[in-house]
Amino acid sequence: MKTAMYYDFQPELGEIPKGRMLHLQLLLTKNGNVPYVPPTEFLGLVLNLGAKVQYANGADHAPVLRKGHYNMVYAPEGSADLKLKKGKYDFFFVEFNAAYLKTIFKHFPVLDEFLAKINGKIPVFMCETHPHITPSMFDCIHHIIGCDFQGPLRDQYLSTKFAQLMLLSLDVCKNFAAGPNDEERLRILMLKEFIQQNLRFQLDVDFLADKIRMNRRKFENGFKQVHGTTVYDFVLSEKMRKAADLLVTTDMPIRDIATAVGYKSPSNFSKVFKKKFGHSPGELRRRRGKIT
């Protein structure tokens, strides 16, 4: 483990403490779970500059914070379970004092809503799905990490960058966390039929967002609110459901079924199908059973 930088802002007399910043790098030589027990509660930004990380949050499967994504997080004192594979990890943390954040929440209603959810017991994310770290945010982080000023000038410089990174991240979250309006919600609902009728094509997020004339970030967040799952997981489930139906109701060759649900390679299709249902397409066809 390597802590590349740790900076704790010291408040002036009568000033509300702002928080602190930490740049943490890890190198793991083998796969495994890394238990972590925060010594105190954490309120702030978690920015993943390195490899993807799975974490436990009480759900049936471990969600993922991918490289290049971040979120505003509240984590109470206690344990968390990180599923880390072998490799290099690079995190940047910006921890805030709750009283300091409350001085600016009037400019960011999403921050007010986030702070209202904090009860000291349950982890909370500001955004349901993790936003991308923008180029401006990356640039700000690199300037913080590479700061070579000394003394009072360093304090002033890092304080400015601390505020800049906070405002940049909240500005993204403000738009990212906003739910779809009624007209956008209807478009997302109607998209379900389009997806089901066009499973043979590549249905990526950018294509589908353009299809219903929505910003990618708002579309991803709105889709999860409307359908309760991510775009990727929804499309994959529909593809596998159609494939299973064709396997048990027709005599189409498996190669043709793979093509019908958007797979050029029958072997890739079989691999995904088995991961989804626990048995191969050929095994299902031989049994002519039903997917439960």
Protein backbone atom coordinates (compact mmCIF):
# COMPACT_ATOMS: atom_id res chain seq x y z
CA MET A 1 0.00 0.00 0.00
CA LYS A 2 1.22 3.48 -0.78
CA THR A 3 -0.28 6.78 0.34
CA ALA A 4 0.94 9.25 -2.24
CA MET A 5 -0.49 12.34 -0.57
CA TYR A 6 -2.47 13.25 2.51
CA TYR A 7 -3.57 16.82 3.20
CA ASP A 8 -5.68 17.93 6.14
CA PHE A 9 -6.95 21.51 5.97
CA GLN A 10 -6.39 23.41 9.20
CA PRO A 11 -9.19 25.95 9.78
CA GLU A 12 -8.50 29.53 10.76
CA LEU A 13 -9.89 30.79 14.05
CA GLY A 14 -13.71 30.79 13.82
CA GLU A 15 -13.68 29.07 10.40
CA ILE A 16 -15.69 25.90 9.72
CA PRO A 17 -13.30 22.97 9.01
CA LYS A 18 -13.41 22.05 5.30
CA GLY A 19 -12.05 18.53 5.24
CA ARG A 20 -9.06 16.71 3.80
CA MET A 21 -7.72 15.01 0.67
CA LEU A 22 -6.02 11.67 0.22
CA HIS A 23 -4.33 10.07 -2.81
CA LEU A 24 -4.09 6.32 -2.23
CA GLN A 25 -2.35 3.77 -4.45
CA LEU A 26 -2.50 -0.02 -3.95
CA LEU A 27 -0.64 -2.88 -5.60
CA LEU A 28 -2.11 -6.36 -5.06
CA THR A 29 -0.19 -9.43 -6.15
CA LYS A 30 -3.13 -11.84 -5.81
CA ASN A 31 -6.92 -11.86 -5.99
CA GLY A 32 -9.02 -11.59 -2.87
CA ASN A 33 -11.42 -9.68 -0.67
CA VAL A 34 -10.02 -6.76 1.26
CA PRO A 35 -12.00 -6.01 4.43
CA TYR A 36 -11.89 -2.38 5.43
CA VAL A 37 -13.12 -0.89 8.68
CA PRO A 38 -13.37 2.92 8.55
CA PRO A 39 -12.06 4.32 11.86
CA THR A 40 -14.67 7.09 11.61
CA GLU A 41 -17.57 7.90 9.31
CA PHE A 42 -16.68 9.11 5.81
CA LEU A 43 -18.48 11.87 3.92
CA GLY A 44 -17.01 12.89 0.61
CA LEU A 45 -15.92 12.07 -2.92
CA VAL A 46 -14.48 8.72 -3.92
CA LEU A 47 -12.78 9.02 -7.32
CA ASN A 48 -11.49 5.85 -8.96
CA LEU A 49 -8.42 6.64 -11.08
CA GLY A 50 -7.37 2.99 -11.46
CA ALA A 51 -8.90 -0.47 -11.86
CA LYS A 52 -12.57 -1.28 -11.24
CA VAL A 53 -13.65 -2.17 -7.71
CA GLN A 54 -16.54 -4.31 -6.49
CA TYR A 55 -18.04 -3.48 -3.13
CA ALA A 56 -20.72 -4.97 -0.91
CA ASN A 57 -23.78 -2.86 -0.10
CA GLY A 58 -26.34 -5.47 0.95
CA ALA A 59 -27.53 -6.16 -2.60
CA ASP A 60 -27.73 -9.59 -4.22
CA HIS A 61 -24.64 -8.86 -6.29
CA ALA A 62 -21.66 -6.61 -5.67
CA PRO A 63 -21.93 -3.28 -7.51
CA VAL A 64 -18.90 -1.92 -9.32
CA LEU A 65 -17.09 1.41 -9.25
CA ARG A 66 -15.22 1.43 -12.55
CA LYS A 67 -12.05 3.24 -13.50
CA GLY A 68 -12.79 6.85 -14.40
CA HIS A 69 -15.97 7.05 -12.29
CA TYR A 70 -16.77 8.62 -8.94
CA ASN A 71 -19.55 9.39 -6.49
CA MET A 72 -20.33 11.42 -3.41
CA VAL A 73 -20.48 8.90 -0.58
CA TYR A 74 -21.52 8.68 3.03
CA ALA A 75 -20.09 5.61 4.81
CA PRO A 76 -20.77 5.13 8.54
CA GLU A 77 -18.20 3.78 10.92
CA GLY A 78 -18.09 0.01 10.47
CA SER A 79 -16.98 -2.56 7.95
CA ALA A 80 -17.13 -2.75 4.18
CA ASP A 81 -16.16 -5.57 1.83
CA LEU A 82 -14.07 -4.67 -1.21
CA LYS A 83 -13.56 -7.33 -3.89
CA LEU A 84 -10.20 -6.49 -5.41
CA LYS A 85 -8.42 -8.50 -8.09
CA LYS A 86 -4.70 -8.60 -8.66
CA GLY A 87 -3.44 -5.33 -10.05
CA LYS A 88 -2.80 -1.64 -9.43
CA TYR A 89 -5.39 0.63 -7.80
CA ASP A 90 -5.42 4.38 -7.69
CA PHE A 91 -7.95 6.37 -5.63
CA PHE A 92 -8.42 10.02 -4.80
CA PHE A 93 -10.57 10.88 -1.79
CA VAL A 94 -11.97 14.26 -0.83
CA GLU A 95 -13.48 14.15 2.64
CA PHE A 96 -15.83 16.97 3.69
CA ASN A 97 -17.03 18.31 6.99
CA ALA A 98 -20.85 18.13 6.91
CA ALA A 99 -21.17 21.63 8.40
CA TYR A 100 -18.98 22.99 5.60
CA LEU A 101 -21.13 21.36 2.91
CA LYS A 102 -24.26 22.85 4.44
CA THR A 103 -22.89 26.32 3.76
CA ILE A 104 -23.15 25.74 0.01
CA PHE A 105 -26.15 23.39 -0.37
CA LYS A 106 -28.47 26.23 -1.42
CA HIS A 107 -26.59 26.30 -4.71
CA PHE A 108 -26.95 22.53 -5.17
CA PRO A 109 -30.38 21.13 -4.16
CA VAL A 110 -29.07 17.62 -4.86
CA LEU A 111 -26.57 18.14 -2.03
CA ASP A 112 -29.35 19.10 0.36
CA GLU A 113 -31.25 15.91 -0.56
CA PHE A 114 -28.09 13.85 -0.08
CA LEU A 115 -27.30 15.31 3.35
CA ALA A 116 -30.90 14.70 4.44
CA LYS A 117 -30.43 10.94 3.86
CA ILE A 118 -27.48 10.64 6.18
CA ASN A 119 -28.53 8.90 9.38
CA GLY A 120 -25.21 7.56 10.63
CA LYS A 121 -26.08 3.93 9.96
CA ILE A 122 -26.64 3.23 6.27
CA PRO A 123 -24.19 3.99 3.41
CA VAL A 124 -25.60 6.50 0.92
CA PHE A 125 -24.56 7.48 -2.62
CA MET A 126 -25.56 10.81 -4.09
CA CYS A 127 -26.10 9.32 -7.57
CA GLU A 128 -27.74 5.93 -8.13
CA THR A 129 -25.21 5.17 -10.87
CA HIS A 130 -21.64 6.44 -10.74
CA PRO A 131 -20.88 9.49 -12.93
CA HIS A 132 -17.80 9.77 -15.13
CA ILE A 133 -14.87 11.84 -13.91
CA THR A 134 -14.78 14.75 -16.37
CA PRO A 135 -11.59 16.01 -18.08
CA SER A 136 -11.78 19.16 -15.93
CA MET A 137 -11.93 17.05 -12.77
CA PHE A 138 -8.98 14.90 -13.92
CA ASP A 139 -7.01 18.06 -14.64
CA CYS A 140 -7.78 19.42 -11.16
CA ILE A 141 -6.71 16.16 -9.49
CA HIS A 142 -3.44 16.04 -11.43
CA HIS A 143 -2.66 19.61 -10.38
CA ILE A 144 -3.32 18.68 -6.74
CA ILE A 145 -1.14 15.57 -6.89
CA GLY A 146 1.63 17.42 -8.72
CA CYS A 147 1.60 20.50 -6.51
CA ASP A 148 5.17 21.53 -5.64
CA PHE A 149 4.44 24.78 -3.81
CA GLN A 150 5.62 25.01 -0.23
CA GLY A 151 4.42 26.73 2.92
CA PRO A 152 1.48 29.18 2.94
CA LEU A 153 1.40 29.27 -0.88
CA ARG A 154 0.86 25.50 -0.95
CA ASP A 155 -1.98 25.81 1.57
CA GLN A 156 -3.69 28.49 -0.47
CA TYR A 157 -3.23 26.61 -3.76
CA LEU A 158 -4.59 23.30 -2.41
CA SER A 159 -7.50 25.07 -0.72
CA THR A 160 -8.47 26.59 -4.07
CA LYS A 161 -8.20 23.23 -5.85
CA PHE A 162 -10.18 21.56 -3.06
CA ALA A 163 -13.08 23.96 -3.67
CA GLN A 164 -12.74 23.67 -7.45
CA LEU A 165 -12.91 19.87 -7.44
CA MET A 166 -15.90 19.95 -5.09
CA LEU A 167 -17.82 22.38 -7.32
CA LEU A 168 -16.97 20.53 -10.53
CA SER A 169 -18.14 17.20 -9.09
CA LEU A 170 -21.35 18.64 -7.63
CA ASP A 171 -22.17 20.33 -10.93
CA VAL A 172 -22.01 16.93 -12.67
CA CYS A 173 -24.03 15.26 -9.90
CA LYS A 174 -26.65 18.01 -10.10
CA ASN A 175 -27.50 17.03 -13.68
CA PHE A 176 -26.75 13.33 -13.25
CA ALA A 177 -29.01 12.81 -10.25
CA ALA A 178 -31.95 14.72 -11.70
CA GLY A 179 -34.67 12.26 -12.66
CA PRO A 180 -36.46 12.27 -16.03
CA ASN A 181 -39.53 14.42 -16.51
CA ASP A 182 -42.86 12.87 -17.55
CA GLU A 183 -42.19 13.19 -21.27
CA GLU A 184 -38.70 11.66 -20.95
CA ARG A 185 -40.03 8.88 -18.73
CA LEU A 186 -42.57 8.00 -21.44
CA ARG A 187 -39.83 7.87 -24.07
CA ILE A 188 -37.78 5.54 -21.87
CA LEU A 189 -40.80 3.29 -21.32
CA MET A 190 -41.51 3.13 -25.06
CA LEU A 191 -37.88 2.23 -25.72
CA LYS A 192 -38.49 -1.19 -24.15
CA GLU A 193 -40.49 -2.37 -27.17
CA PHE A 194 -37.83 -1.04 -29.57
CA ILE A 195 -35.14 -3.00 -27.73
CA GLN A 196 -37.19 -6.20 -27.76
CA GLN A 197 -37.77 -5.90 -31.50
CA ASN A 198 -34.15 -5.15 -32.41
CA LEU A 199 -32.09 -7.58 -30.32
CA ARG A 200 -30.10 -8.67 -33.38
CA PHE A 201 -28.42 -5.25 -33.46
CA GLN A 202 -25.78 -3.66 -31.22
CA LEU A 203 -27.80 -1.69 -28.67
CA ASP A 204 -25.25 0.32 -26.76
CA VAL A 205 -25.99 3.22 -24.43
CA ASP A 206 -24.95 5.97 -26.85
CA PHE A 207 -27.14 4.59 -29.65
CA LEU A 208 -30.20 4.24 -27.43
CA ALA A 209 -29.73 7.69 -25.85
CA ASP A 210 -29.55 9.23 -29.33
CA LYS A 211 -32.60 7.23 -30.37
CA ILE A 212 -34.79 9.01 -27.82
CA ARG A 213 -32.87 12.32 -27.96
CA MET A 214 -31.52 12.32 -24.40
CA ASN A 215 -28.18 13.19 -22.84
CA ARG A 216 -26.27 9.97 -22.10
CA ARG A 217 -25.87 10.64 -18.38
CA LYS A 218 -29.50 11.56 -17.86
CA PHE A 219 -30.61 8.62 -20.00
CA GLU A 220 -28.58 6.08 -18.00
CA ASN A 221 -29.85 7.43 -14.71
CA GLY A 222 -33.44 7.75 -15.95
CA PHE A 223 -33.43 4.24 -17.43
CA LYS A 224 -32.40 2.77 -14.09
CA GLN A 225 -35.11 4.74 -12.29
CA VAL A 226 -37.78 3.61 -14.76
CA HIS A 227 -36.75 -0.03 -15.29
CA GLY A 228 -34.88 -0.74 -12.06
CA THR A 229 -31.71 -1.91 -13.81
CA THR A 230 -28.93 -0.61 -16.03
CA VAL A 231 -29.26 -0.37 -19.81
CA TYR A 232 -26.60 -3.07 -20.28
CA ASP A 233 -28.22 -5.54 -17.88
CA PHE A 234 -31.68 -4.92 -19.36
CA VAL A 235 -30.53 -5.51 -22.96
CA LEU A 236 -28.57 -8.61 -21.94
CA SER A 237 -31.57 -10.07 -20.08
CA GLU A 238 -33.84 -9.49 -23.07
CA LYS A 239 -31.32 -11.12 -25.43
CA MET A 240 -30.98 -14.19 -23.21
CA ARG A 241 -34.75 -14.43 -22.66
CA LYS A 242 -35.40 -14.41 -26.41
CA ALA A 243 -32.62 -16.93 -27.01
CA ALA A 244 -34.06 -19.29 -24.39
CA ASP A 245 -37.51 -18.99 -25.95
CA LEU A 246 -36.16 -19.81 -29.42
CA LEU A 247 -34.25 -22.78 -28.06
CA VAL A 248 -37.31 -24.41 -26.51
CA THR A 249 -39.95 -23.44 -29.09
CA THR A 250 -38.11 -23.79 -32.42
CA ASP A 251 -35.55 -26.00 -34.15
CA MET A 252 -33.40 -23.06 -35.30
CA PRO A 253 -29.68 -23.89 -35.28
CA ILE A 254 -27.86 -22.42 -32.29
CA ARG A 255 -25.67 -20.41 -34.68
CA ASP A 256 -28.79 -18.71 -36.11
CA ILE A 257 -30.19 -18.06 -32.64
CA ALA A 258 -26.91 -16.41 -31.65
CA THR A 259 -27.19 -14.15 -34.71
CA ALA A 260 -30.83 -13.37 -33.90
CA VAL A 261 -29.83 -11.92 -30.54
CA GLY A 262 -26.81 -9.98 -31.77
CA TYR A 263 -23.86 -12.37 -31.38
CA LYS A 264 -21.48 -12.90 -34.30
CA SER A 265 -19.70 -15.71 -32.48
CA PRO A 266 -21.76 -18.75 -31.36
CA SER A 267 -19.06 -19.58 -28.78
CA ASN A 268 -19.35 -16.12 -27.18
CA PHE A 269 -23.13 -16.49 -27.17
CA SER A 270 -22.89 -19.89 -25.46
CA LYS A 271 -20.49 -18.52 -22.85
CA VAL A 272 -22.81 -15.62 -21.94
CA PHE A 273 -25.87 -17.90 -21.99
CA LYS A 274 -24.27 -20.40 -19.62
CA LYS A 275 -23.19 -17.63 -17.26
CA LYS A 276 -26.75 -16.32 -17.21
CA PHE A 277 -28.65 -19.59 -16.76
CA GLY A 278 -26.08 -22.07 -15.47
CA HIS A 279 -26.25 -24.41 -18.49
CA SER A 280 -25.36 -24.18 -22.17
CA PRO A 281 -27.84 -23.58 -25.03
CA GLY A 282 -27.31 -27.16 -26.17
CA GLU A 283 -28.15 -28.55 -22.72
CA LEU A 284 -31.36 -26.53 -22.60
CA ARG A 285 -32.39 -27.70 -26.05
CA ARG A 286 -31.78 -31.31 -25.15
CA ARG A 287 -34.00 -30.99 -22.10
CA ARG A 288 -36.57 -28.76 -23.82
CA GLY A 289 -37.13 -27.35 -20.37
CA LYS A 290 -37.97 -23.91 -19.18
CA ILE A 291 -35.74 -21.28 -17.67
CA THR A 292 -36.76 -20.62 -14.10
